[in-house]
Full PDB file with SEQRES, HELIX, SHEET, SSBOND, CRYST1, ORIGX, SCALE, CONECT and MASTER records, all heavy atoms in Angstrom:
SEQRES   1 A   40  ARG ASP SER LYS LEU PRO VAL LEU VAL ILE GLY ASP PHE          
SEQRES   2 A   40  ASN ASP VAL ALA TRP SER GLU SER THR ALA LEU PHE LYS          
SEQRES   3 A   40  ASN VAL SER GLU LEU LEU ASP LEU ARG ILE GLY ARG GLY          
SEQRES   4 A   40  LEU                                                          
HELIX    1 AA1 GLU A   20  SER A   29  1                                  10    
CRYST1    1.000    1.000    1.000  90.00  90.00  90.00 P 1           1          
ORIGX1      1.000000  0.000000  0.000000        0.00000                         
ORIGX2      0.000000  1.000000  0.000000        0.00000                         
ORIGX3      0.000000  0.000000  1.000000        0.00000                         
SCALE1      1.000000  0.000000  0.000000        0.00000                         
SCALE2      0.000000  1.000000  0.000000        0.00000                         
SCALE3      0.000000  0.000000  1.000000        0.00000                         
ATOM      1  N   ARG A   1       5.834  16.509  11.435  1.00  0.00           N  
ATOM      2  CA  ARG A   1       6.513  17.506  11.963  1.00  0.00           C  
ATOM      3  C   ARG A   1       5.561  18.506  12.849  1.00  0.00           C  
ATOM      4  O   ARG A   1       5.996  18.963  13.916  1.00  0.00           O  
ATOM      5  CB  ARG A   1       7.193  18.346  10.907  1.00  0.00           C  
ATOM      6  CG  ARG A   1       7.953  19.656  11.272  1.00  0.00           C  
ATOM      7  CD  ARG A   1       8.585  20.332  10.011  1.00  0.00           C  
ATOM      8  NE  ARG A   1       9.196  21.529  10.494  1.00  0.00           N  
ATOM      9  CZ  ARG A   1      10.400  21.703  10.942  1.00  0.00           C  
ATOM     10  NH1 ARG A   1      11.107  20.635  11.205  1.00  0.00           N  
ATOM     11  NH2 ARG A   1      10.796  22.944  11.198  1.00  0.00           N  
ATOM     12  N   ASP A   2       4.420  18.694  12.370  1.00  0.00           N  
ATOM     13  CA  ASP A   2       3.413  19.618  13.033  1.00  0.00           C  
ATOM     14  C   ASP A   2       2.799  18.878  14.174  1.00  0.00           C  
ATOM     15  O   ASP A   2       2.077  19.689  15.055  1.00  0.00           O  
ATOM     16  CB  ASP A   2       2.321  20.052  12.074  1.00  0.00           C  
ATOM     17  CG  ASP A   2       2.948  21.038  11.001  1.00  0.00           C  
ATOM     18  OD1 ASP A   2       4.150  21.493  11.237  1.00  0.00           O  
ATOM     19  OD2 ASP A   2       2.345  21.098   9.928  1.00  0.00           O  
ATOM     20  N   SER A   3       2.832  17.633  14.463  1.00  0.00           N  
ATOM     21  CA  SER A   3       2.043  16.975  15.353  1.00  0.00           C  
ATOM     22  C   SER A   3       2.649  17.226  16.826  1.00  0.00           C  
ATOM     23  O   SER A   3       4.014  17.223  17.057  1.00  0.00           O  
ATOM     24  CB  SER A   3       2.174  15.436  15.155  1.00  0.00           C  
ATOM     25  OG  SER A   3       1.598  14.684  16.330  1.00  0.00           O  
ATOM     26  N   LYS A   4       1.921  17.409  17.692  1.00  0.00           N  
ATOM     27  CA  LYS A   4       2.246  17.638  19.110  1.00  0.00           C  
ATOM     28  C   LYS A   4       2.449  16.372  19.999  1.00  0.00           C  
ATOM     29  O   LYS A   4       2.794  16.398  21.076  1.00  0.00           O  
ATOM     30  CB  LYS A   4       1.232  18.582  19.872  1.00  0.00           C  
ATOM     31  CG  LYS A   4       1.045  19.963  19.178  1.00  0.00           C  
ATOM     32  CD  LYS A   4       2.285  20.781  18.866  1.00  0.00           C  
ATOM     33  CE  LYS A   4       2.106  21.992  18.273  1.00  0.00           C  
ATOM     34  NZ  LYS A   4       3.486  22.769  17.945  1.00  0.00           N  
ATOM     35  N   LEU A   5       1.990  15.258  19.290  1.00  0.00           N  
ATOM     36  CA  LEU A   5       1.986  13.868  20.048  1.00  0.00           C  
ATOM     37  C   LEU A   5       3.253  13.190  19.527  1.00  0.00           C  
ATOM     38  O   LEU A   5       3.866  13.325  18.389  1.00  0.00           O  
ATOM     39  CB  LEU A   5       0.711  13.208  19.571  1.00  0.00           C  
ATOM     40  CG  LEU A   5      -0.548  13.855  20.124  1.00  0.00           C  
ATOM     41  CD1 LEU A   5      -1.737  13.075  19.562  1.00  0.00           C  
ATOM     42  CD2 LEU A   5      -0.726  13.825  21.549  1.00  0.00           C  
ATOM     43  N   PRO A   6       3.660  12.125  20.232  1.00  0.00           N  
ATOM     44  CA  PRO A   6       4.657  11.202  19.636  1.00  0.00           C  
ATOM     45  C   PRO A   6       4.060  10.495  18.379  1.00  0.00           C  
ATOM     46  O   PRO A   6       2.872  10.288  18.142  1.00  0.00           O  
ATOM     47  CB  PRO A   6       4.683  10.097  20.785  1.00  0.00           C  
ATOM     48  CG  PRO A   6       4.264  10.798  21.985  1.00  0.00           C  
ATOM     49  CD  PRO A   6       3.200  11.760  21.616  1.00  0.00           C  
ATOM     50  N   VAL A   7       4.963  10.286  17.438  1.00  0.00           N  
ATOM     51  CA  VAL A   7       4.476  10.006  16.036  1.00  0.00           C  
ATOM     52  C   VAL A   7       5.100   8.689  15.531  1.00  0.00           C  
ATOM     53  O   VAL A   7       6.249   8.333  15.824  1.00  0.00           O  
ATOM     54  CB  VAL A   7       4.909  11.031  14.962  1.00  0.00           C  
ATOM     55  CG1 VAL A   7       4.624  10.709  13.527  1.00  0.00           C  
ATOM     56  CG2 VAL A   7       4.203  12.347  15.380  1.00  0.00           C  
ATOM     57  N   LEU A   8       4.257   7.807  14.913  1.00  0.00           N  
ATOM     58  CA  LEU A   8       4.609   6.727  14.113  1.00  0.00           C  
ATOM     59  C   LEU A   8       4.197   6.835  12.669  1.00  0.00           C  
ATOM     60  O   LEU A   8       3.065   7.235  12.376  1.00  0.00           O  
ATOM     61  CB  LEU A   8       3.983   5.409  14.633  1.00  0.00           C  
ATOM     62  CG  LEU A   8       4.236   5.017  16.094  1.00  0.00           C  
ATOM     63  CD1 LEU A   8       3.339   3.840  16.414  1.00  0.00           C  
ATOM     64  CD2 LEU A   8       5.768   4.502  16.165  1.00  0.00           C  
ATOM     65  N   VAL A   9       5.180   6.726  11.708  1.00  0.00           N  
ATOM     66  CA  VAL A   9       4.860   6.549  10.307  1.00  0.00           C  
ATOM     67  C   VAL A   9       5.155   5.160   9.822  1.00  0.00           C  
ATOM     68  O   VAL A   9       6.296   4.764   9.959  1.00  0.00           O  
ATOM     69  CB  VAL A   9       5.526   7.696   9.557  1.00  0.00           C  
ATOM     70  CG1 VAL A   9       5.202   7.507   8.093  1.00  0.00           C  
ATOM     71  CG2 VAL A   9       5.120   9.022   9.964  1.00  0.00           C  
ATOM     72  N   ILE A  10       4.166   4.404   9.326  1.00  0.00           N  
ATOM     73  CA  ILE A  10       4.461   3.072   8.830  1.00  0.00           C  
ATOM     74  C   ILE A  10       3.904   2.971   7.386  1.00  0.00           C  
ATOM     75  O   ILE A  10       2.987   3.648   7.052  1.00  0.00           O  
ATOM     76  CB  ILE A  10       3.822   2.170   9.823  1.00  0.00           C  
ATOM     77  CG1 ILE A  10       2.220   2.266   9.750  1.00  0.00           C  
ATOM     78  CG2 ILE A  10       4.311   2.276  11.232  1.00  0.00           C  
ATOM     79  CD1 ILE A  10       1.486   1.256  10.674  1.00  0.00           C  
ATOM     80  N   GLY A  11       4.449   2.018   6.717  1.00  0.00           N  
ATOM     81  CA  GLY A  11       3.915   1.591   5.390  1.00  0.00           C  
ATOM     82  C   GLY A  11       4.960   1.095   4.447  1.00  0.00           C  
ATOM     83  O   GLY A  11       6.222   1.105   4.849  1.00  0.00           O  
ATOM     84  N   ASP A  12       4.534   0.888   3.241  1.00  0.00           N  
ATOM     85  CA  ASP A  12       5.477   0.541   2.133  1.00  0.00           C  
ATOM     86  C   ASP A  12       5.539   1.766   1.230  1.00  0.00           C  
ATOM     87  O   ASP A  12       4.705   2.381   0.668  1.00  0.00           O  
ATOM     88  CB  ASP A  12       4.721  -0.488   1.141  1.00  0.00           C  
ATOM     89  CG  ASP A  12       5.484  -0.752  -0.164  1.00  0.00           C  
ATOM     90  OD1 ASP A  12       6.458  -0.186  -0.366  1.00  0.00           O  
ATOM     91  OD2 ASP A  12       4.872  -1.470  -0.975  1.00  0.00           O  
ATOM     92  N   PHE A  13       6.863   2.372   1.420  1.00  0.00           N  
ATOM     93  CA  PHE A  13       7.113   3.741   0.727  1.00  0.00           C  
ATOM     94  C   PHE A  13       7.519   3.438  -0.646  1.00  0.00           C  
ATOM     95  O   PHE A  13       7.621   4.529  -1.346  1.00  0.00           O  
ATOM     96  CB  PHE A  13       8.282   4.418   1.470  1.00  0.00           C  
ATOM     97  CG  PHE A  13       7.965   5.042   2.781  1.00  0.00           C  
ATOM     98  CD1 PHE A  13       6.921   4.535   3.695  1.00  0.00           C  
ATOM     99  CD2 PHE A  13       8.701   6.173   3.254  1.00  0.00           C  
ATOM    100  CE1 PHE A  13       6.721   5.127   4.902  1.00  0.00           C  
ATOM    101  CE2 PHE A  13       8.472   6.664   4.515  1.00  0.00           C  
ATOM    102  CZ  PHE A  13       7.328   6.155   5.282  1.00  0.00           C  
ATOM    103  N   ASN A  14       7.677   2.291  -1.121  1.00  0.00           N  
ATOM    104  CA  ASN A  14       8.109   2.088  -2.541  1.00  0.00           C  
ATOM    105  C   ASN A  14       9.405   2.846  -2.761  1.00  0.00           C  
ATOM    106  O   ASN A  14       9.668   3.372  -3.861  1.00  0.00           O  
ATOM    107  CB  ASN A  14       7.039   2.446  -3.604  1.00  0.00           C  
ATOM    108  CG  ASN A  14       6.141   1.337  -3.845  1.00  0.00           C  
ATOM    109  OD1 ASN A  14       6.570   0.202  -3.991  1.00  0.00           O  
ATOM    110  ND2 ASN A  14       4.731   1.587  -3.690  1.00  0.00           N  
ATOM    111  N   ASP A  15      10.236   2.955  -1.773  1.00  0.00           N  
ATOM    112  CA  ASP A  15      11.533   3.699  -1.751  1.00  0.00           C  
ATOM    113  C   ASP A  15      12.365   3.076  -0.779  1.00  0.00           C  
ATOM    114  O   ASP A  15      11.951   2.699   0.340  1.00  0.00           O  
ATOM    115  CB  ASP A  15      11.235   5.150  -1.509  1.00  0.00           C  
ATOM    116  CG  ASP A  15      12.499   5.926  -1.949  1.00  0.00           C  
ATOM    117  OD1 ASP A  15      13.191   5.579  -2.708  1.00  0.00           O  
ATOM    118  OD2 ASP A  15      12.631   7.024  -1.395  1.00  0.00           O  
ATOM    119  N   VAL A  16      13.700   3.016  -1.065  1.00  0.00           N  
ATOM    120  CA  VAL A  16      14.768   2.405  -0.127  1.00  0.00           C  
ATOM    121  C   VAL A  16      15.128   3.477   1.077  1.00  0.00           C  
ATOM    122  O   VAL A  16      14.972   4.598   0.892  1.00  0.00           O  
ATOM    123  CB  VAL A  16      15.887   1.982  -0.912  1.00  0.00           C  
ATOM    124  CG1 VAL A  16      15.626   0.819  -1.775  1.00  0.00           C  
ATOM    125  CG2 VAL A  16      16.479   3.127  -1.768  1.00  0.00           C  
ATOM    126  N   ALA A  17      15.669   2.844   2.000  1.00  0.00           N  
ATOM    127  CA  ALA A  17      15.951   3.625   3.241  1.00  0.00           C  
ATOM    128  C   ALA A  17      16.958   4.740   3.027  1.00  0.00           C  
ATOM    129  O   ALA A  17      16.971   5.701   3.585  1.00  0.00           O  
ATOM    130  CB  ALA A  17      16.355   2.807   4.332  1.00  0.00           C  
ATOM    131  N   TRP A  18      18.000   4.518   2.013  1.00  0.00           N  
ATOM    132  CA  TRP A  18      18.957   5.355   1.874  1.00  0.00           C  
ATOM    133  C   TRP A  18      18.780   6.374   0.790  1.00  0.00           C  
ATOM    134  O   TRP A  18      19.746   7.131   0.400  1.00  0.00           O  
ATOM    135  CB  TRP A  18      20.315   4.683   1.589  1.00  0.00           C  
ATOM    136  CG  TRP A  18      20.093   3.520   0.457  1.00  0.00           C  
ATOM    137  CD1 TRP A  18      20.027   3.911  -0.929  1.00  0.00           C  
ATOM    138  CD2 TRP A  18      19.878   2.171   0.601  1.00  0.00           C  
ATOM    139  NE1 TRP A  18      19.861   2.683  -1.606  1.00  0.00           N  
ATOM    140  CE2 TRP A  18      19.685   1.620  -0.674  1.00  0.00           C  
ATOM    141  CE3 TRP A  18      19.835   1.329   1.705  1.00  0.00           C  
ATOM    142  CZ2 TRP A  18      19.578   0.263  -0.952  1.00  0.00           C  
ATOM    143  CZ3 TRP A  18      19.635   0.069   1.487  1.00  0.00           C  
ATOM    144  CH2 TRP A  18      19.516  -0.467   0.290  1.00  0.00           C  
ATOM    145  N   SER A  19      17.664   6.411   0.038  1.00  0.00           N  
ATOM    146  CA  SER A  19      17.484   7.304  -1.068  1.00  0.00           C  
ATOM    147  C   SER A  19      17.437   8.722  -0.570  1.00  0.00           C  
ATOM    148  O   SER A  19      17.156   9.042   0.594  1.00  0.00           O  
ATOM    149  CB  SER A  19      16.231   6.944  -1.766  1.00  0.00           C  
ATOM    150  OG  SER A  19      15.087   7.428  -1.189  1.00  0.00           O  
ATOM    151  N   GLU A  20      17.606   9.740  -1.492  1.00  0.00           N  
ATOM    152  CA  GLU A  20      17.590  10.999  -1.204  1.00  0.00           C  
ATOM    153  C   GLU A  20      16.093  11.395  -0.810  1.00  0.00           C  
ATOM    154  O   GLU A  20      15.900  12.250   0.035  1.00  0.00           O  
ATOM    155  CB  GLU A  20      17.904  11.881  -2.517  1.00  0.00           C  
ATOM    156  CG  GLU A  20      19.457  11.791  -2.830  1.00  0.00           C  
ATOM    157  CD  GLU A  20      20.228  12.308  -1.686  1.00  0.00           C  
ATOM    158  OE1 GLU A  20      19.955  13.387  -1.061  1.00  0.00           O  
ATOM    159  OE2 GLU A  20      21.361  11.712  -1.505  1.00  0.00           O  
ATOM    160  N   SER A  21      15.071  10.789  -1.374  1.00  0.00           N  
ATOM    161  CA  SER A  21      13.696  11.087  -1.067  1.00  0.00           C  
ATOM    162  C   SER A  21      13.348  10.661   0.336  1.00  0.00           C  
ATOM    163  O   SER A  21      12.818  11.434   1.177  1.00  0.00           O  
ATOM    164  CB  SER A  21      12.759  10.419  -2.024  1.00  0.00           C  
ATOM    165  OG  SER A  21      12.914  10.868  -3.227  1.00  0.00           O  
ATOM    166  N   THR A  22      13.822   9.488   0.801  1.00  0.00           N  
ATOM    167  CA  THR A  22      13.429   8.947   2.050  1.00  0.00           C  
ATOM    168  C   THR A  22      14.384   9.855   3.079  1.00  0.00           C  
ATOM    169  O   THR A  22      13.839  10.036   4.227  1.00  0.00           O  
ATOM    170  CB  THR A  22      13.682   7.457   2.160  1.00  0.00           C  
ATOM    171  OG1 THR A  22      12.835   6.828   1.329  1.00  0.00           O  
ATOM    172  CG2 THR A  22      13.527   6.987   3.702  1.00  0.00           C  
ATOM    173  N   ALA A  23      15.439  10.114   2.744  1.00  0.00           N  
ATOM    174  CA  ALA A  23      16.321  10.830   3.689  1.00  0.00           C  
ATOM    175  C   ALA A  23      15.707  12.240   3.893  1.00  0.00           C  
ATOM    176  O   ALA A  23      15.749  12.793   5.111  1.00  0.00           O  
ATOM    177  CB  ALA A  23      17.824  10.986   3.101  1.00  0.00           C  
ATOM    178  N   LEU A  24      15.234  12.838   2.931  1.00  0.00           N  
ATOM    179  CA  LEU A  24      14.530  14.108   3.075  1.00  0.00           C  
ATOM    180  C   LEU A  24      13.315  14.029   3.856  1.00  0.00           C  
ATOM    181  O   LEU A  24      12.978  14.812   4.728  1.00  0.00           O  
ATOM    182  CB  LEU A  24      14.189  14.747   1.595  1.00  0.00           C  
ATOM    183  CG  LEU A  24      13.587  16.064   1.655  1.00  0.00           C  
ATOM    184  CD1 LEU A  24      14.532  17.169   2.296  1.00  0.00           C  
ATOM    185  CD2 LEU A  24      13.281  16.574   0.105  1.00  0.00           C  
ATOM    186  N   PHE A  25      12.571  12.936   3.639  1.00  0.00           N  
ATOM    187  CA  PHE A  25      11.431  12.727   4.400  1.00  0.00           C  
ATOM    188  C   PHE A  25      11.683  12.602   5.962  1.00  0.00           C  
ATOM    189  O   PHE A  25      11.103  13.268   6.799  1.00  0.00           O  
ATOM    190  CB  PHE A  25      10.664  11.432   4.061  1.00  0.00           C  
ATOM    191  CG  PHE A  25       9.739  10.838   5.033  1.00  0.00           C  
ATOM    192  CD1 PHE A  25       8.343  11.219   5.070  1.00  0.00           C  
ATOM    193  CD2 PHE A  25      10.141   9.865   5.972  1.00  0.00           C  
ATOM    194  CE1 PHE A  25       7.641  10.890   6.211  1.00  0.00           C  
ATOM    195  CE2 PHE A  25       9.366   9.345   6.945  1.00  0.00           C  
ATOM    196  CZ  PHE A  25       7.982   9.861   7.133  1.00  0.00           C  
ATOM    197  N   LYS A  26      12.648  11.856   6.152  1.00  0.00           N  
ATOM    198  CA  LYS A  26      13.242  11.769   7.493  1.00  0.00           C  
ATOM    199  C   LYS A  26      13.790  13.056   8.175  1.00  0.00           C  
ATOM    200  O   LYS A  26      13.383  13.282   9.259  1.00  0.00           O  
ATOM    201  CB  LYS A  26      14.420  10.692   7.575  1.00  0.00           C  
ATOM    202  CG  LYS A  26      14.891  10.236   8.863  1.00  0.00           C  
ATOM    203  CD  LYS A  26      15.745   8.902   8.636  1.00  0.00           C  
ATOM    204  CE  LYS A  26      16.439   8.601   9.921  1.00  0.00           C  
ATOM    205  NZ  LYS A  26      17.544   9.509  10.190  1.00  0.00           N  
ATOM    206  N   ASN A  27      14.535  13.737   7.461  1.00  0.00           N  
ATOM    207  CA  ASN A  27      14.962  15.115   7.961  1.00  0.00           C  
ATOM    208  C   ASN A  27      13.856  16.017   8.170  1.00  0.00           C  
ATOM    209  O   ASN A  27      13.736  16.703   9.365  1.00  0.00           O  
ATOM    210  CB  ASN A  27      15.841  15.711   6.855  1.00  0.00           C  
ATOM    211  CG  ASN A  27      17.101  15.099   6.681  1.00  0.00           C  
ATOM    212  OD1 ASN A  27      17.717  14.998   5.681  1.00  0.00           O  
ATOM    213  ND2 ASN A  27      17.777  14.503   7.736  1.00  0.00           N  
ATOM    214  N   VAL A  28      12.908  16.107   7.279  1.00  0.00           N  
ATOM    215  CA  VAL A  28      11.754  17.129   7.493  1.00  0.00           C  
ATOM    216  C   VAL A  28      10.853  16.699   8.649  1.00  0.00           C  
ATOM    217  O   VAL A  28      10.384  17.523   9.460  1.00  0.00           O  
ATOM    218  CB  VAL A  28      10.990  17.305   6.094  1.00  0.00           C  
ATOM    219  CG1 VAL A  28       9.755  18.272   6.341  1.00  0.00           C  
ATOM    220  CG2 VAL A  28      11.904  17.926   5.131  1.00  0.00           C  
ATOM    221  N   SER A  29      10.446  15.419   8.622  1.00  0.00           N  
ATOM    222  CA  SER A  29       9.596  14.989   9.755  1.00  0.00           C  
ATOM    223  C   SER A  29      10.203  14.850  11.117  1.00  0.00           C  
ATOM    224  O   SER A  29       9.488  14.798  12.038  1.00  0.00           O  
ATOM    225  CB  SER A  29       9.166  13.537   9.240  1.00  0.00           C  
ATOM    226  OG  SER A  29      10.224  12.586   9.305  1.00  0.00           O  
ATOM    227  N   GLU A  30      11.543  14.900  11.098  1.00  0.00           N  
ATOM    228  CA  GLU A  30      12.400  14.793  12.369  1.00  0.00           C  
ATOM    229  C   GLU A  30      11.943  13.387  12.989  1.00  0.00           C  
ATOM    230  O   GLU A  30      11.816  13.414  14.264  1.00  0.00           O  
ATOM    231  CB  GLU A  30      12.116  15.940  13.238  1.00  0.00           C  
ATOM    232  CG  GLU A  30      12.508  17.320  12.700  1.00  0.00           C  
ATOM    233  CD  GLU A  30      12.500  18.395  13.770  1.00  0.00           C  
ATOM    234  OE1 GLU A  30      12.992  18.344  14.805  1.00  0.00           O  
ATOM    235  OE2 GLU A  30      11.864  19.455  13.299  1.00  0.00           O  
ATOM    236  N   LEU A  31      11.924  12.469  12.217  1.00  0.00           N  
ATOM    237  CA  LEU A  31      11.733  11.145  12.847  1.00  0.00           C  
ATOM    238  C   LEU A  31      12.968  10.212  12.647  1.00  0.00           C  
ATOM    239  O   LEU A  31      13.966  10.680  12.137  1.00  0.00           O  
ATOM    240  CB  LEU A  31      10.494  10.380  11.964  1.00  0.00           C  
ATOM    241  CG  LEU A  31       9.285  11.041  11.959  1.00  0.00           C  
ATOM    242  CD1 LEU A  31       8.146  10.228  11.089  1.00  0.00           C  
ATOM    243  CD2 LEU A  31       8.682  11.081  13.475  1.00  0.00           C  
ATOM    244  N   LEU A  32      12.977   9.058  13.396  1.00  0.00           N  
ATOM    245  CA  LEU A  32      14.074   8.207  13.501  1.00  0.00           C  
ATOM    246  C   LEU A  32      13.783   6.920  12.896  1.00  0.00           C  
ATOM    247  O   LEU A  32      12.768   6.446  12.765  1.00  0.00           O  
ATOM    248  CB  LEU A  32      14.378   8.059  14.966  1.00  0.00           C  
ATOM    249  CG  LEU A  32      14.592   9.290  15.812  1.00  0.00           C  
ATOM    250  CD1 LEU A  32      14.798   8.949  17.380  1.00  0.00           C  
ATOM    251  CD2 LEU A  32      15.804  10.039  15.341  1.00  0.00           C  
ATOM    252  N   ASP A  33      14.940   6.233  12.385  1.00  0.00           N  
ATOM    253  CA  ASP A  33      14.812   4.903  11.779  1.00  0.00           C  
ATOM    254  C   ASP A  33      15.232   3.870  12.601  1.00  0.00           C  
ATOM    255  O   ASP A  33      16.406   3.929  13.203  1.00  0.00           O  
ATOM    256  CB  ASP A  33      15.667   4.982  10.478  1.00  0.00           C  
ATOM    257  CG  ASP A  33      15.454   3.804   9.567  1.00  0.00           C  
ATOM    258  OD1 ASP A  33      14.919   2.818  10.093  1.00  0.00           O  
ATOM    259  OD2 ASP A  33      15.827   3.870   8.344  1.00  0.00           O  
ATOM    260  N   LEU A  34      14.363   2.914  12.950  1.00  0.00           N  
ATOM    261  CA  LEU A  34      14.700   1.782  13.880  1.00  0.00           C  
ATOM    262  C   LEU A  34      15.809   1.014  13.332  1.00  0.00           C  
ATOM    263  O   LEU A  34      16.569   0.352  14.146  1.00  0.00           O  
ATOM    264  CB  LEU A  34      13.543   0.870  14.009  1.00  0.00           C  
ATOM    265  CG  LEU A  34      12.074   1.452  14.386  1.00  0.00           C  
ATOM    266  CD1 LEU A  34      11.149   0.266  14.477  1.00  0.00           C  
ATOM    267  CD2 LEU A  34      12.166   2.109  15.638  1.00  0.00           C  
ATOM    268  N   ARG A  35      16.136   0.919  12.048  1.00  0.00           N  
ATOM    269  CA  ARG A  35      17.071   0.021  11.450  1.00  0.00           C  
ATOM    270  C   ARG A  35      18.526   0.464  11.632  1.00  0.00           C  
ATOM    271  O   ARG A  35      19.414  -0.395  11.574  1.00  0.00           O  
ATOM    272  CB  ARG A  35      16.766  -0.218   9.953  1.00  0.00           C  
ATOM    273  CG  ARG A  35      15.479  -1.063   9.756  1.00  0.00           C  
ATOM    274  CD  ARG A  35      15.074  -0.835   8.201  1.00  0.00           C  
ATOM    275  NE  ARG A  35      14.759   0.588   8.110  1.00  0.00           N  
ATOM    276  CZ  ARG A  35      14.039   1.016   6.994  1.00  0.00           C  
ATOM    277  NH1 ARG A  35      13.450   0.170   6.274  1.00  0.00           N  
ATOM    278  NH2 ARG A  35      13.768   2.289   6.793  1.00  0.00           N  
ATOM    279  N   ILE A  36      18.704   1.739  11.743  1.00  0.00           N  
ATOM    280  CA  ILE A  36      19.998   2.296  11.997  1.00  0.00           C  
ATOM    281  C   ILE A  36      20.738   1.736  13.165  1.00  0.00           C  
ATOM    282  O   ILE A  36      20.203   1.784  14.306  1.00  0.00           O  
ATOM    283  CB  ILE A  36      20.030   3.941  11.994  1.00  0.00           C  
ATOM    284  CG1 ILE A  36      19.612   4.417  10.581  1.00  0.00           C  
ATOM    285  CG2 ILE A  36      21.303   4.331  12.377  1.00  0.00           C  
ATOM    286  CD1 ILE A  36      19.491   5.833  10.523  1.00  0.00           C  
ATOM    287  N   GLY A  37      21.861   1.050  12.870  1.00  0.00           N  
ATOM    288  CA  GLY A  37      22.587   0.257  13.816  1.00  0.00           C  
ATOM    289  C   GLY A  37      22.139  -1.164  14.087  1.00  0.00           C  
ATOM    290  O   GLY A  37      22.852  -1.863  14.876  1.00  0.00           O  
ATOM    291  N   ARG A  38      21.186  -1.495  13.402  1.00  0.00           N  
ATOM    292  CA  ARG A  38      20.645  -2.809  13.555  1.00  0.00           C  
ATOM    293  C   ARG A  38      20.679  -3.658  12.393  1.00  0.00           C  
ATOM    294  O   ARG A  38      20.778  -4.923  12.433  1.00  0.00           O  
ATOM    295  CB  ARG A  38      19.137  -2.782  14.142  1.00  0.00           C  
ATOM    296  CG  ARG A  38      19.030  -2.085  15.457  1.00  0.00           C  
ATOM    297  CD  ARG A  38      17.565  -2.147  16.018  1.00  0.00           C  
ATOM    298  NE  ARG A  38      17.621  -1.824  17.426  1.00  0.00           N  
ATOM    299  CZ  ARG A  38      17.541  -0.659  17.933  1.00  0.00           C  
ATOM    300  NH1 ARG A  38      17.444   0.375  17.065  1.00  0.00           N  
ATOM    301  NH2 ARG A  38      17.615  -0.380  19.249  1.00  0.00           N  
ATOM    302  N   GLY A  39      20.412  -3.151  11.201  1.00  0.00           N  
ATOM    303  CA  GLY A  39      20.452  -3.960   9.926  1.00  0.00           C  
ATOM    304  C   GLY A  39      19.585  -3.466   8.928  1.00  0.00           C  
ATOM    305  O   GLY A  39      18.778  -2.449   9.191  1.00  0.00           O  
ATOM    306  N   LEU A  40      19.608  -4.019   7.671  1.00  0.00           N  
ATOM    307  CA  LEU A  40      18.923  -3.596   6.594  1.00  0.00           C  
ATOM    308  C   LEU A  40      17.366  -3.933   6.575  1.00  0.00           C  
ATOM    309  O   LEU A  40      16.408  -3.313   6.285  1.00  0.00           O  
ATOM    310  CB  LEU A  40      19.518  -3.971   5.218  1.00  0.00           C  
ATOM    311  CG  LEU A  40      20.853  -3.308   4.846  1.00  0.00           C  
ATOM    312  CD1 LEU A  40      21.385  -4.074   3.694  1.00  0.00           C  
ATOM    313  CD2 LEU A  40      20.538  -1.869   4.477  1.00  0.00           C  
TER     314      LEU A  40                                                      
MASTER        0    0    0    1    0    0    0    6  313    1    0    4          
END                                                                             
């Protein structure tokens, strides 16, 4: 969120895409999920 540059976050989160934790990560970071509209 604080970065002034375009951002990539990658890795094994040990968490599923739809969980409350990952959803909160996504909201706070203001990042986007490539899979949405494409598949699991």
